Amino acid sequence: MTTLEILDALEAGILALRASNGHRAPRAATGITRASLRSRIARTGLSASEFAQAAGVEQEDLDAWLKGREPIPPWVPAAARMLALLPPAARRTLLRGAAPRNRRSGRTHPFSRIEEL
């Protein structure tokens, strides 16, 4: 299972437990529509495939949300908002992944250069 599938399963389990204990279930997902999701993705300045990559989801999952085959998970609007708030340079860094800090060596300990001296 992927991390997202595990989180979805946990969320479903929590909702089931709350419902069985007489708690009212929260509103279904976020109420976000497909058109609203498209609009939010456009505000990020990313293409749909770049948004999927930045959000850590498969392109097929995003396509299923946009086509209405699957419900849009509640965390997606928050992820889109966060990406829209990032400056363009930060979005590019997120898409390409963080570069290693020390490209010359695989060492990461702060005192590793002492051995080289």
PDB file of N, CA and C in Angstrom:
ATOM      1  N   MET A   1       0.835  -1.194   0.000  1.00  0.00           N
ATOM      2  CA  MET A   1       0.000   0.000   0.000  1.00  0.00           C
ATOM      3  C   MET A   1       0.871   1.246   0.000  1.00  0.00           C
ATOM      4  N   THR A   2       0.396   2.254  -0.691  1.00  0.00           N
ATOM      5  CA  THR A   2       1.111   3.523  -0.667  1.00  0.00           C
ATOM      6  C   THR A   2       0.724   4.284   0.598  1.00  0.00           C
ATOM      7  N   THR A   3       1.475   5.319   0.893  1.00  0.00           N
ATOM      8  CA  THR A   3       1.179   6.145   2.062  1.00  0.00           C
ATOM      9  C   THR A   3      -0.217   6.754   1.950  1.00  0.00           C
ATOM     10  N   LEU A   4      -0.572   7.216   0.768  1.00  0.00           N
ATOM     11  CA  LEU A   4      -1.895   7.824   0.586  1.00  0.00           C
ATOM     12  C   LEU A   4      -3.008   6.803   0.790  1.00  0.00           C
ATOM     13  N   GLU A   5      -2.803   5.572   0.318  1.00  0.00           N
ATOM     14  CA  GLU A   5      -3.811   4.532   0.519  1.00  0.00           C
ATOM     15  C   GLU A   5      -3.961   4.206   2.006  1.00  0.00           C
ATOM     16  N   ILE A   6      -2.845   4.194   2.723  1.00  0.00           N
ATOM     17  CA  ILE A   6      -2.892   3.938   4.162  1.00  0.00           C
ATOM     18  C   ILE A   6      -3.655   5.055   4.870  1.00  0.00           C
ATOM     19  N   LEU A   7      -3.362   6.316   4.501  1.00  0.00           N
ATOM     20  CA  LEU A   7      -4.062   7.445   5.108  1.00  0.00           C
ATOM     21  C   LEU A   7      -5.559   7.413   4.800  1.00  0.00           C
ATOM     22  N   ASP A   8      -5.908   7.063   3.562  1.00  0.00           N
ATOM     23  CA  ASP A   8      -7.326   6.957   3.203  1.00  0.00           C
ATOM     24  C   ASP A   8      -8.006   5.857   4.011  1.00  0.00           C
ATOM     25  N   ALA A   9      -7.320   4.727   4.191  1.00  0.00           N
ATOM     26  CA  ALA A   9      -7.886   3.622   4.972  1.00  0.00           C
ATOM     27  C   ALA A   9      -8.063   4.031   6.433  1.00  0.00           C
ATOM     28  N   LEU A  10      -7.078   4.730   6.983  1.00  0.00           N
ATOM     29  CA  LEU A  10      -7.190   5.200   8.361  1.00  0.00           C
ATOM     30  C   LEU A  10      -8.353   6.176   8.518  1.00  0.00           C
ATOM     31  N   GLU A  11      -8.476   7.089   7.570  1.00  0.00           N
ATOM     32  CA  GLU A  11      -9.566   8.059   7.629  1.00  0.00           C
ATOM     33  C   GLU A  11     -10.918   7.356   7.564  1.00  0.00           C
ATOM     34  N   ALA A  12     -11.043   6.369   6.687  1.00  0.00           N
ATOM     35  CA  ALA A  12     -12.301   5.629   6.574  1.00  0.00           C
ATOM     36  C   ALA A  12     -12.593   4.872   7.869  1.00  0.00           C
ATOM     37  N   GLY A  13     -11.564   4.296   8.479  1.00  0.00           N
ATOM     38  CA  GLY A  13     -11.746   3.588   9.744  1.00  0.00           C
ATOM     39  C   GLY A  13     -12.181   4.508  10.869  1.00  0.00           C
ATOM     40  N   ILE A  14     -11.587   5.693  10.929  1.00  0.00           N
ATOM     41  CA  ILE A  14     -11.958   6.664  11.958  1.00  0.00           C
ATOM     42  C   ILE A  14     -13.401   7.111  11.771  1.00  0.00           C
ATOM     43  N   LEU A  15     -13.794   7.375  10.530  1.00  0.00           N
ATOM     44  CA  LEU A  15     -15.180   7.780  10.268  1.00  0.00           C
ATOM     45  C   LEU A  15     -16.157   6.676  10.652  1.00  0.00           C
ATOM     46  N   ALA A  16     -15.789   5.420  10.376  1.00  0.00           N
ATOM     47  CA  ALA A  16     -16.655   4.299  10.733  1.00  0.00           C
ATOM     48  C   ALA A  16     -16.787   4.178  12.251  1.00  0.00           C
ATOM     49  N   LEU A  17     -15.681   4.351  12.970  1.00  0.00           N
ATOM     50  CA  LEU A  17     -15.724   4.286  14.435  1.00  0.00           C
ATOM     51  C   LEU A  17     -16.583   5.411  15.008  1.00  0.00           C
ATOM     52  N   ARG A  18     -16.427   6.601  14.475  1.00  0.00           N
ATOM     53  CA  ARG A  18     -17.233   7.729  14.954  1.00  0.00           C
ATOM     54  C   ARG A  18     -18.717   7.479  14.707  1.00  0.00           C
ATOM     55  N   ALA A  19     -19.034   6.964  13.531  1.00  0.00           N
ATOM     56  CA  ALA A  19     -20.429   6.695  13.189  1.00  0.00           C
ATOM     57  C   ALA A  19     -21.007   5.626  14.101  1.00  0.00           C
ATOM     58  N   SER A  20     -20.231   4.604  14.438  1.00  0.00           N
ATOM     59  CA  SER A  20     -20.731   3.526  15.291  1.00  0.00           C
ATOM     60  C   SER A  20     -20.915   3.987  16.732  1.00  0.00           C
ATOM     61  N   ASN A  21     -20.232   5.055  17.137  1.00  0.00           N
ATOM     62  CA  ASN A  21     -20.373   5.587  18.490  1.00  0.00           C
ATOM     63  C   ASN A  21     -21.401   6.703  18.571  1.00  0.00           C
ATOM     64  N   GLY A  22     -22.157   6.902  17.512  1.00  0.00           N
ATOM     65  CA  GLY A  22     -23.212   7.901  17.537  1.00  0.00           C
ATOM     66  C   GLY A  22     -22.774   9.299  17.148  1.00  0.00           C
ATOM     67  N   HIS A  23     -21.532   9.474  16.777  1.00  0.00           N
ATOM     68  CA  HIS A  23     -21.077  10.787  16.330  1.00  0.00           C
ATOM     69  C   HIS A  23     -21.585  11.038  14.929  1.00  0.00           C
ATOM     70  N   ARG A  24     -21.907  12.279  14.669  1.00  0.00           N
ATOM     71  CA  ARG A  24     -22.294  12.645  13.313  1.00  0.00           C
ATOM     72  C   ARG A  24     -21.062  12.671  12.438  1.00  0.00           C
ATOM     73  N   ALA A  25     -21.180  12.098  11.277  1.00  0.00           N
ATOM     74  CA  ALA A  25     -20.064  12.110  10.339  1.00  0.00           C
ATOM     75  C   ALA A  25     -19.908  13.509   9.777  1.00  0.00           C
ATOM     76  N   PRO A  26     -18.661  13.942   9.546  1.00  0.00           N
ATOM     77  CA  PRO A  26     -18.476  15.259   8.932  1.00  0.00           C
ATOM     78  C   PRO A  26     -19.003  15.271   7.508  1.00  0.00           C
ATOM     79  N   ARG A  27     -19.128  16.460   6.966  1.00  0.00           N
ATOM     80  CA  ARG A  27     -19.579  16.573   5.583  1.00  0.00           C
ATOM     81  C   ARG A  27     -18.722  15.712   4.672  1.00  0.00           C
ATOM     82  N   ALA A  28     -19.315  15.214   3.633  1.00  0.00           N
ATOM     83  CA  ALA A  28     -18.593  14.364   2.702  1.00  0.00           C
ATOM     84  C   ALA A  28     -17.421  15.117   2.106  1.00  0.00           C
ATOM     85  N   ALA A  29     -16.268  14.530   2.259  1.00  0.00           N
ATOM     86  CA  ALA A  29     -14.998  15.063   1.752  1.00  0.00           C
ATOM     87  C   ALA A  29     -14.947  16.575   1.937  1.00  0.00           C
ATOM     88  N   THR A  30     -14.759  17.309   0.864  1.00  0.00           N
ATOM     89  CA  THR A  30     -14.619  18.753   0.981  1.00  0.00           C
ATOM     90  C   THR A  30     -15.724  19.491   0.248  1.00  0.00           C
ATOM     91  N   GLY A  31     -16.492  18.760  -0.511  1.00  0.00           N
ATOM     92  CA  GLY A  31     -17.500  19.411  -1.318  1.00  0.00           C
ATOM     93  C   GLY A  31     -16.901  20.099  -2.530  1.00  0.00           C
ATOM     94  N   ILE A  32     -15.640  19.888  -2.787  1.00  0.00           N
ATOM     95  CA  ILE A  32     -14.977  20.521  -3.923  1.00  0.00           C
ATOM     96  C   ILE A  32     -15.428  19.835  -5.216  1.00  0.00           C
ATOM     97  N   THR A  33     -15.688  20.629  -6.206  1.00  0.00           N
ATOM     98  CA  THR A  33     -16.122  20.085  -7.499  1.00  0.00           C
ATOM     99  C   THR A  33     -14.915  19.888  -8.404  1.00  0.00           C
ATOM    100  N   ARG A  34     -15.153  19.169  -9.474  1.00  0.00           N
ATOM    101  CA  ARG A  34     -14.076  18.945 -10.453  1.00  0.00           C
ATOM    102  C   ARG A  34     -13.625  20.270 -11.053  1.00  0.00           C
ATOM    103  N   ALA A  35     -14.593  21.150 -11.354  1.00  0.00           N
ATOM    104  CA  ALA A  35     -14.254  22.457 -11.931  1.00  0.00           C
ATOM    105  C   ALA A  35     -13.432  23.284 -10.951  1.00  0.00           C
ATOM    106  N   SER A  36     -13.803  23.204  -9.680  1.00  0.00           N
ATOM    107  CA  SER A  36     -13.063  23.936  -8.657  1.00  0.00           C
ATOM    108  C   SER A  36     -11.643  23.392  -8.527  1.00  0.00           C
ATOM    109  N   LEU A  37     -11.491  22.071  -8.597  1.00  0.00           N
ATOM    110  CA  LEU A  37     -10.146  21.482  -8.529  1.00  0.00           C
ATOM    111  C   LEU A  37      -9.310  21.930  -9.720  1.00  0.00           C
ATOM    112  N   ARG A  38      -9.898  21.932 -10.908  1.00  0.00           N
ATOM    113  CA  ARG A  38      -9.162  22.406 -12.093  1.00  0.00           C
ATOM    114  C   ARG A  38      -8.706  23.854 -11.896  1.00  0.00           C
ATOM    115  N   SER A  39      -9.610  24.672 -11.355  1.00  0.00           N
ATOM    116  CA  SER A  39      -9.296  26.076 -11.112  1.00  0.00           C
ATOM    117  C   SER A  39      -8.159  26.213 -10.100  1.00  0.00           C
ATOM    118  N   ARG A  40      -8.213  25.417  -9.035  1.00  0.00           N
ATOM    119  CA  ARG A  40      -7.166  25.479  -8.012  1.00  0.00           C
ATOM    120  C   ARG A  40      -5.827  25.024  -8.565  1.00  0.00           C
ATOM    121  N   ILE A  41      -5.836  24.006  -9.411  1.00  0.00           N
ATOM    122  CA  ILE A  41      -4.586  23.549 -10.033  1.00  0.00           C
ATOM    123  C   ILE A  41      -4.040  24.646 -10.937  1.00  0.00           C
ATOM    124  N   ALA A  42      -4.908  25.308 -11.685  1.00  0.00           N
ATOM    125  CA  ALA A  42      -4.469  26.401 -12.567  1.00  0.00           C
ATOM    126  C   ALA A  42      -3.824  27.525 -11.760  1.00  0.00           C
ATOM    127  N   ARG A  43      -4.370  27.814 -10.563  1.00  0.00           N
ATOM    128  CA  ARG A  43      -3.802  28.877  -9.722  1.00  0.00           C
ATOM    129  C   ARG A  43      -2.416  28.533  -9.197  1.00  0.00           C
ATOM    130  N   THR A  44      -2.070  27.257  -9.180  1.00  0.00           N
ATOM    131  CA  THR A  44      -0.725  26.885  -8.729  1.00  0.00           C
ATOM    132  C   THR A  44       0.322  27.236  -9.767  1.00  0.00           C
ATOM    133  N   GLY A  45      -0.093  27.419 -11.014  1.00  0.00           N
ATOM    134  CA  GLY A  45       0.856  27.679 -12.083  1.00  0.00           C
ATOM    135  C   GLY A  45       1.502  26.405 -12.593  1.00  0.00           C
ATOM    136  N   LEU A  46       0.954  25.258 -12.208  1.00  0.00           N
ATOM    137  CA  LEU A  46       1.497  23.967 -12.625  1.00  0.00           C
ATOM    138  C   LEU A  46       0.535  23.287 -13.588  1.00  0.00           C
ATOM    139  N   SER A  47       1.073  22.423 -14.419  1.00  0.00           N
ATOM    140  CA  SER A  47       0.201  21.585 -15.240  1.00  0.00           C
ATOM    141  C   SER A  47      -0.377  20.494 -14.342  1.00  0.00           C
ATOM    142  N   ALA A  48      -1.348  19.769 -14.864  1.00  0.00           N
ATOM    143  CA  ALA A  48      -1.959  18.695 -14.071  1.00  0.00           C
ATOM    144  C   ALA A  48      -0.925  17.632 -13.706  1.00  0.00           C
ATOM    145  N   SER A  49      -0.045  17.298 -14.637  1.00  0.00           N
ATOM    146  CA  SER A  49       0.966  16.279 -14.335  1.00  0.00           C
ATOM    147  C   SER A  49       1.978  16.786 -13.306  1.00  0.00           C
ATOM    148  N   GLU A  50       2.325  18.077 -13.390  1.00  0.00           N
ATOM    149  CA  GLU A  50       3.235  18.647 -12.396  1.00  0.00           C
ATOM    150  C   GLU A  50       2.570  18.701 -11.022  1.00  0.00           C
ATOM    151  N   PHE A  51       1.262  19.020 -11.001  1.00  0.00           N
ATOM    152  CA  PHE A  51       0.542  19.034  -9.729  1.00  0.00           C
ATOM    153  C   PHE A  51       0.535  17.641  -9.109  1.00  0.00           C
ATOM    154  N   ALA A  52       0.279  16.626  -9.925  1.00  0.00           N
ATOM    155  CA  ALA A  52       0.278  15.245  -9.425  1.00  0.00           C
ATOM    156  C   ALA A  52       1.643  14.894  -8.838  1.00  0.00           C
ATOM    157  N   GLN A  53       2.696  15.269  -9.532  1.00  0.00           N
ATOM    158  CA  GLN A  53       4.050  15.001  -9.054  1.00  0.00           C
ATOM    159  C   GLN A  53       4.318  15.732  -7.742  1.00  0.00           C
ATOM    160  N   ALA A  54       3.959  17.001  -7.672  1.00  0.00           N
ATOM    161  CA  ALA A  54       4.197  17.792  -6.463  1.00  0.00           C
ATOM    162  C   ALA A  54       3.370  17.280  -5.289  1.00  0.00           C
ATOM    163  N   ALA A  55       2.157  16.794  -5.555  1.00  0.00           N
ATOM    164  CA  ALA A  55       1.287  16.289  -4.499  1.00  0.00           C
ATOM    165  C   ALA A  55       1.623  14.857  -4.117  1.00  0.00           C
ATOM    166  N   GLY A  56       2.468  14.202  -4.915  1.00  0.00           N
ATOM    167  CA  GLY A  56       2.864  12.828  -4.606  1.00  0.00           C
ATOM    168  C   GLY A  56       1.802  11.799  -4.927  1.00  0.00           C
ATOM    169  N   VAL A  57       1.017  12.077  -5.957  1.00  0.00           N
ATOM    170  CA  VAL A  57      -0.011  11.115  -6.371  1.00  0.00           C
ATOM    171  C   VAL A  57       0.244  10.692  -7.813  1.00  0.00           C
ATOM    172  N   GLU A  58      -0.322   9.578  -8.170  1.00  0.00           N
ATOM    173  CA  GLU A  58      -0.206   9.089  -9.544  1.00  0.00           C
ATOM    174  C   GLU A  58      -1.077   9.947 -10.462  1.00  0.00           C
ATOM    175  N   GLN A  59      -0.629  10.122 -11.670  1.00  0.00           N
ATOM    176  CA  GLN A  59      -1.393  10.895 -12.661  1.00  0.00           C
ATOM    177  C   GLN A  59      -2.767  10.270 -12.864  1.00  0.00           C
ATOM    178  N   GLU A  60      -2.851   8.946 -12.815  1.00  0.00           N
ATOM    179  CA  GLU A  60      -4.140   8.260 -12.999  1.00  0.00           C
ATOM    180  C   GLU A  60      -5.134   8.638 -11.898  1.00  0.00           C
ATOM    181  N   ASP A  61      -4.631   8.807 -10.666  1.00  0.00           N
ATOM    182  CA  ASP A  61      -5.507   9.205  -9.568  1.00  0.00           C
ATOM    183  C   ASP A  61      -6.060  10.608  -9.798  1.00  0.00           C
ATOM    184  N   LEU A  62      -5.185  11.532 -10.186  1.00  0.00           N
ATOM    185  CA  LEU A  62      -5.625  12.895 -10.461  1.00  0.00           C
ATOM    186  C   LEU A  62      -6.630  12.910 -11.603  1.00  0.00           C
ATOM    187  N   ASP A  63      -6.363  12.132 -12.654  1.00  0.00           N
ATOM    188  CA  ASP A  63      -7.304  12.050 -13.777  1.00  0.00           C
ATOM    189  C   ASP A  63      -8.664  11.526 -13.322  1.00  0.00           C
ATOM    190  N   ALA A  64      -8.659  10.535 -12.429  1.00  0.00           N
ATOM    191  CA  ALA A  64      -9.916   9.973 -11.913  1.00  0.00           C
ATOM    192  C   ALA A  64     -10.691  11.027 -11.126  1.00  0.00           C
ATOM    193  N   TRP A  65      -9.994  11.866 -10.362  1.00  0.00           N
ATOM    194  CA  TRP A  65     -10.670  12.936  -9.613  1.00  0.00           C
ATOM    195  C   TRP A  65     -11.254  13.963 -10.569  1.00  0.00           C
ATOM    196  N   LEU A  66     -10.458  14.333 -11.580  1.00  0.00           N
ATOM    197  CA  LEU A  66     -10.899  15.368 -12.522  1.00  0.00           C
ATOM    198  C   LEU A  66     -12.039  14.897 -13.417  1.00  0.00           C
ATOM    199  N   LYS A  67     -12.128  13.584 -13.648  1.00  0.00           N
ATOM    200  CA  LYS A  67     -13.193  13.041 -14.492  1.00  0.00           C
ATOM    201  C   LYS A  67     -14.386  12.556 -13.688  1.00  0.00           C
ATOM    202  N   GLY A  68     -14.297  12.650 -12.363  1.00  0.00           N
ATOM    203  CA  GLY A  68     -15.417  12.268 -11.517  1.00  0.00           C
ATOM    204  C   GLY A  68     -15.547  10.778 -11.261  1.00  0.00           C
ATOM    205  N   ARG A  69     -14.538  10.000 -11.629  1.00  0.00           N
ATOM    206  CA  ARG A  69     -14.592   8.554 -11.380  1.00  0.00           C
ATOM    207  C   ARG A  69     -14.324   8.221  -9.920  1.00  0.00           C
ATOM    208  N   GLU A  70     -13.582   9.078  -9.233  1.00  0.00           N
ATOM    209  CA  GLU A  70     -13.243   8.888  -7.818  1.00  0.00           C
ATOM    210  C   GLU A  70     -13.528  10.192  -7.078  1.00  0.00           C
ATOM    211  N   PRO A  71     -13.929  10.103  -5.804  1.00  0.00           N
ATOM    212  CA  PRO A  71     -14.127  11.338  -5.037  1.00  0.00           C
ATOM    213  C   PRO A  71     -12.783  12.014  -4.753  1.00  0.00           C
ATOM    214  N   ILE A  72     -12.807  13.318  -4.668  1.00  0.00           N
ATOM    215  CA  ILE A  72     -11.593  14.091  -4.403  1.00  0.00           C
ATOM    216  C   ILE A  72     -11.305  14.021  -2.901  1.00  0.00           C
ATOM    217  N   PRO A  73     -10.130  13.519  -2.513  1.00  0.00           N
ATOM    218  CA  PRO A  73      -9.809  13.428  -1.079  1.00  0.00           C
ATOM    219  C   PRO A  73      -9.781  14.811  -0.426  1.00  0.00           C
ATOM    220  N   PRO A  74     -10.074  14.862   0.865  1.00  0.00           N
ATOM    221  CA  PRO A  74     -10.172  16.158   1.542  1.00  0.00           C
ATOM    222  C   PRO A  74      -8.863  16.936   1.625  1.00  0.00           C
ATOM    223  N   TRP A  75      -7.729  16.284   1.489  1.00  0.00           N
ATOM    224  CA  TRP A  75      -6.452  16.985   1.615  1.00  0.00           C
ATOM    225  C   TRP A  75      -6.054  17.695   0.325  1.00  0.00           C
ATOM    226  N   VAL A  76      -6.676  17.370  -0.784  1.00  0.00           N
ATOM    227  CA  VAL A  76      -6.263  17.915  -2.085  1.00  0.00           C
ATOM    228  C   VAL A  76      -6.423  19.433  -2.156  1.00  0.00           C
ATOM    229  N   PRO A  77      -7.546  20.027  -1.729  1.00  0.00           N
ATOM    230  CA  PRO A  77      -7.651  21.491  -1.783  1.00  0.00           C
ATOM    231  C   PRO A  77      -6.561  22.183  -0.963  1.00  0.00           C
ATOM    232  N   ALA A  78      -6.229  21.618   0.201  1.00  0.00           N
ATOM    233  CA  ALA A  78      -5.177  22.220   1.029  1.00  0.00           C
ATOM    234  C   ALA A  78      -3.826  22.133   0.321  1.00  0.00           C
ATOM    235  N   ALA A  79      -3.558  21.007  -0.337  1.00  0.00           N
ATOM    236  CA  ALA A  79      -2.299  20.862  -1.073  1.00  0.00           C
ATOM    237  C   ALA A  79      -2.232  21.859  -2.227  1.00  0.00           C
ATOM    238  N   ALA A  80      -3.346  22.030  -2.918  1.00  0.00           N
ATOM    239  CA  ALA A  80      -3.382  22.986  -4.035  1.00  0.00           C
ATOM    240  C   ALA A  80      -3.163  24.406  -3.523  1.00  0.00           C
ATOM    241  N   ARG A  81      -3.779  24.724  -2.396  1.00  0.00           N
ATOM    242  CA  ARG A  81      -3.602  26.072  -1.832  1.00  0.00           C
ATOM    243  C   ARG A  81      -2.153  26.300  -1.425  1.00  0.00           C
ATOM    244  N   MET A  82      -1.547  25.296  -0.785  1.00  0.00           N
ATOM    245  CA  MET A  82      -0.158  25.424  -0.370  1.00  0.00           C
ATOM    246  C   MET A  82       0.756  25.638  -1.585  1.00  0.00           C
ATOM    247  N   LEU A  83       0.522  24.860  -2.637  1.00  0.00           N
ATOM    248  CA  LEU A  83       1.341  25.006  -3.838  1.00  0.00           C
ATOM    249  C   LEU A  83       1.136  26.368  -4.492  1.00  0.00           C
ATOM    250  N   ALA A  84      -0.090  26.888  -4.451  1.00  0.00           N
ATOM    251  CA  ALA A  84      -0.362  28.204  -5.034  1.00  0.00           C
ATOM    252  C   ALA A  84       0.332  29.315  -4.251  1.00  0.00           C
ATOM    253  N   LEU A  85       0.510  29.112  -2.950  1.00  0.00           N
ATOM    254  CA  LEU A  85       1.154  30.133  -2.119  1.00  0.00           C
ATOM    255  C   LEU A  85       2.677  30.139  -2.251  1.00  0.00           C
ATOM    256  N   LEU A  86       3.244  29.038  -2.729  1.00  0.00           N
ATOM    257  CA  LEU A  86       4.700  28.981  -2.877  1.00  0.00           C
ATOM    258  C   LEU A  86       5.169  29.892  -4.005  1.00  0.00           C
ATOM    259  N   PRO A  87       6.327  30.523  -3.835  1.00  0.00           N
ATOM    260  CA  PRO A  87       6.880  31.281  -4.964  1.00  0.00           C
ATOM    261  C   PRO A  87       7.286  30.313  -6.076  1.00  0.00           C
ATOM    262  N   PRO A  88       7.323  30.789  -7.319  1.00  0.00           N
ATOM    263  CA  PRO A  88       7.659  29.901  -8.447  1.00  0.00           C
ATOM    264  C   PRO A  88       8.969  29.129  -8.253  1.00  0.00           C
ATOM    265  N   ALA A  89       9.978  29.768  -7.685  1.00  0.00           N
ATOM    266  CA  ALA A  89      11.261  29.074  -7.484  1.00  0.00           C
ATOM    267  C   ALA A  89      11.101  27.895  -6.521  1.00  0.00           C
ATOM    268  N   ALA A  90      10.288  28.058  -5.501  1.00  0.00           N
ATOM    269  CA  ALA A  90      10.065  26.977  -4.539  1.00  0.00           C
ATOM    270  C   ALA A  90       9.290  25.829  -5.191  1.00  0.00           C
ATOM    271  N   ARG A  91       8.353  26.168  -6.083  1.00  0.00           N
ATOM    272  CA  ARG A  91       7.615  25.117  -6.804  1.00  0.00           C
ATOM    273  C   ARG A  91       8.557  24.316  -7.690  1.00  0.00           C
ATOM    274  N   ARG A  92       9.471  25.015  -8.374  1.00  0.00           N
ATOM    275  CA  ARG A  92      10.433  24.310  -9.236  1.00  0.00           C
ATOM    276  C   ARG A  92      11.329  23.402  -8.403  1.00  0.00           C
ATOM    277  N   THR A  93      11.764  23.886  -7.239  1.00  0.00           N
ATOM    278  CA  THR A  93      12.606  23.080  -6.359  1.00  0.00           C
ATOM    279  C   THR A  93      11.845  21.850  -5.892  1.00  0.00           C
ATOM    280  N   LEU A  94      10.587  22.015  -5.561  1.00  0.00           N
ATOM    281  CA  LEU A  94       9.764  20.895  -5.121  1.00  0.00           C
ATOM    282  C   LEU A  94       9.630  19.858  -6.231  1.00  0.00           C
ATOM    283  N   LEU A  95       9.465  20.316  -7.454  1.00  0.00           N
ATOM    284  CA  LEU A  95       9.282  19.389  -8.575  1.00  0.00           C
ATOM    285  C   LEU A  95      10.553  18.619  -8.909  1.00  0.00           C
ATOM    286  N   ARG A  96      11.672  19.269  -8.819  1.00  0.00           N
ATOM    287  CA  ARG A  96      12.911  18.565  -9.178  1.00  0.00           C
ATOM    288  C   ARG A  96      13.517  17.841  -7.989  1.00  0.00           C
ATOM    289  N   GLY A  97      12.994  18.088  -6.802  1.00  0.00           N
ATOM    290  CA  GLY A  97      13.508  17.436  -5.601  1.00  0.00           C
ATOM    291  C   GLY A  97      14.661  18.237  -5.043  1.00  0.00           C
ATOM    292  N   ALA A  98      14.881  18.093  -3.781  1.00  0.00           N
ATOM    293  CA  ALA A  98      15.969  18.831  -3.134  1.00  0.00           C
ATOM    294  C   ALA A  98      17.306  18.264  -3.569  1.00  0.00           C
ATOM    295  N   ALA A  99      18.205  19.143  -3.935  1.00  0.00           N
ATOM    296  CA  ALA A  99      19.552  18.725  -4.327  1.00  0.00           C
ATOM    297  C   ALA A  99      20.333  18.340  -3.083  1.00  0.00           C
ATOM    298  N   PRO A 100      21.208  17.355  -3.198  1.00  0.00           N
ATOM    299  CA  PRO A 100      22.024  17.001  -2.031  1.00  0.00           C
ATOM    300  C   PRO A 100      22.904  18.172  -1.624  1.00  0.00           C
ATOM    301  N   ARG A 101      23.127  18.319  -0.344  1.00  0.00           N
ATOM    302  CA  ARG A 101      23.902  19.455   0.160  1.00  0.00           C
ATOM    303  C   ARG A 101      25.380  19.341  -0.178  1.00  0.00           C
ATOM    304  N   ASN A 102      25.910  18.154  -0.117  1.00  0.00           N
ATOM    305  CA  ASN A 102      27.336  17.958  -0.361  1.00  0.00           C
ATOM    306  C   ASN A 102      27.489  17.030  -1.556  1.00  0.00           C
ATOM    307  N   ARG A 103      27.674  17.591  -2.714  1.00  0.00           N
ATOM    308  CA  ARG A 103      27.731  16.790  -3.936  1.00  0.00           C
ATOM    309  C   ARG A 103      29.060  16.059  -4.091  1.00  0.00           C
ATOM    310  N   ARG A 104      30.105  16.525  -3.427  1.00  0.00           N
ATOM    311  CA  ARG A 104      31.420  15.900  -3.577  1.00  0.00           C
ATOM    312  C   ARG A 104      31.511  14.572  -2.849  1.00  0.00           C
ATOM    313  N   SER A 105      30.743  14.413  -1.817  1.00  0.00           N
ATOM    314  CA  SER A 105      30.906  13.250  -0.972  1.00  0.00           C
ATOM    315  C   SER A 105      29.556  12.763  -0.490  1.00  0.00           C
ATOM    316  N   GLY A 106      29.456  11.470  -0.229  1.00  0.00           N
ATOM    317  CA  GLY A 106      28.245  10.913   0.322  1.00  0.00           C
ATOM    318  C   GLY A 106      28.147  11.121   1.816  1.00  0.00           C
ATOM    319  N   ARG A 107      29.167  11.707   2.408  1.00  0.00           N
ATOM    320  CA  ARG A 107      29.167  11.919   3.851  1.00  0.00           C
ATOM    321  C   ARG A 107      28.192  13.029   4.216  1.00  0.00           C
ATOM    322  N   THR A 108      27.514  12.840   5.324  1.00  0.00           N
ATOM    323  CA  THR A 108      26.563  13.861   5.736  1.00  0.00           C
ATOM    324  C   THR A 108      26.855  14.407   7.124  1.00  0.00           C
ATOM    325  N   HIS A 109      27.737  13.770   7.844  1.00  0.00           N
ATOM    326  CA  HIS A 109      28.040  14.212   9.204  1.00  0.00           C
ATOM    327  C   HIS A 109      28.765  15.554   9.157  1.00  0.00           C
ATOM    328  N   PRO A 110      28.441  16.491  10.065  1.00  0.00           N
ATOM    329  CA  PRO A 110      29.063  17.817  10.011  1.00  0.00           C
ATOM    330  C   PRO A 110      30.570  17.791  10.214  1.00  0.00           C
ATOM    331  N   PHE A 111      31.100  16.771  10.869  1.00  0.00           N
ATOM    332  CA  PHE A 111      32.541  16.704  11.098  1.00  0.00           C
ATOM    333  C   PHE A 111      33.259  15.831  10.071  1.00  0.00           C
ATOM    334  N   SER A 112      32.574  15.416   9.023  1.00  0.00           N
ATOM    335  CA  SER A 112      33.194  14.514   8.065  1.00  0.00           C
ATOM    336  C   SER A 112      34.354  15.168   7.326  1.00  0.00           C
ATOM    337  N   ARG A 113      34.369  16.459   7.179  1.00  0.00           N
ATOM    338  CA  ARG A 113      35.480  17.136   6.495  1.00  0.00           C
ATOM    339  C   ARG A 113      36.744  17.107   7.336  1.00  0.00           C
ATOM    340  N   ILE A 114      36.664  16.918   8.654  1.00  0.00           N
ATOM    341  CA  ILE A 114      37.841  16.885   9.506  1.00  0.00           C
ATOM    342  C   ILE A 114      38.776  15.782   9.033  1.00  0.00           C
ATOM    343  N   GLU A 115      38.219  14.651   8.636  1.00  0.00           N
ATOM    344  CA  GLU A 115      39.040  13.535   8.172  1.00  0.00           C
ATOM    345  C   GLU A 115      39.783  13.897   6.899  1.00  0.00           C
ATOM    346  N   GLU A 116      39.206  14.741   6.056  1.00  0.00           N
ATOM    347  CA  GLU A 116      39.842  15.131   4.817  1.00  0.00           C
ATOM    348  C   GLU A 116      40.997  16.112   5.053  1.00  0.00           C
ATOM    349  N   LEU A 117      40.957  16.855   6.150  1.00  0.00           N
ATOM    350  CA  LEU A 117      41.994  17.836   6.451  1.00  0.00           C
ATOM    351  C   LEU A 117      43.187  17.144   6.961  1.00  0.00           C
TER     352      LEU A 117
END
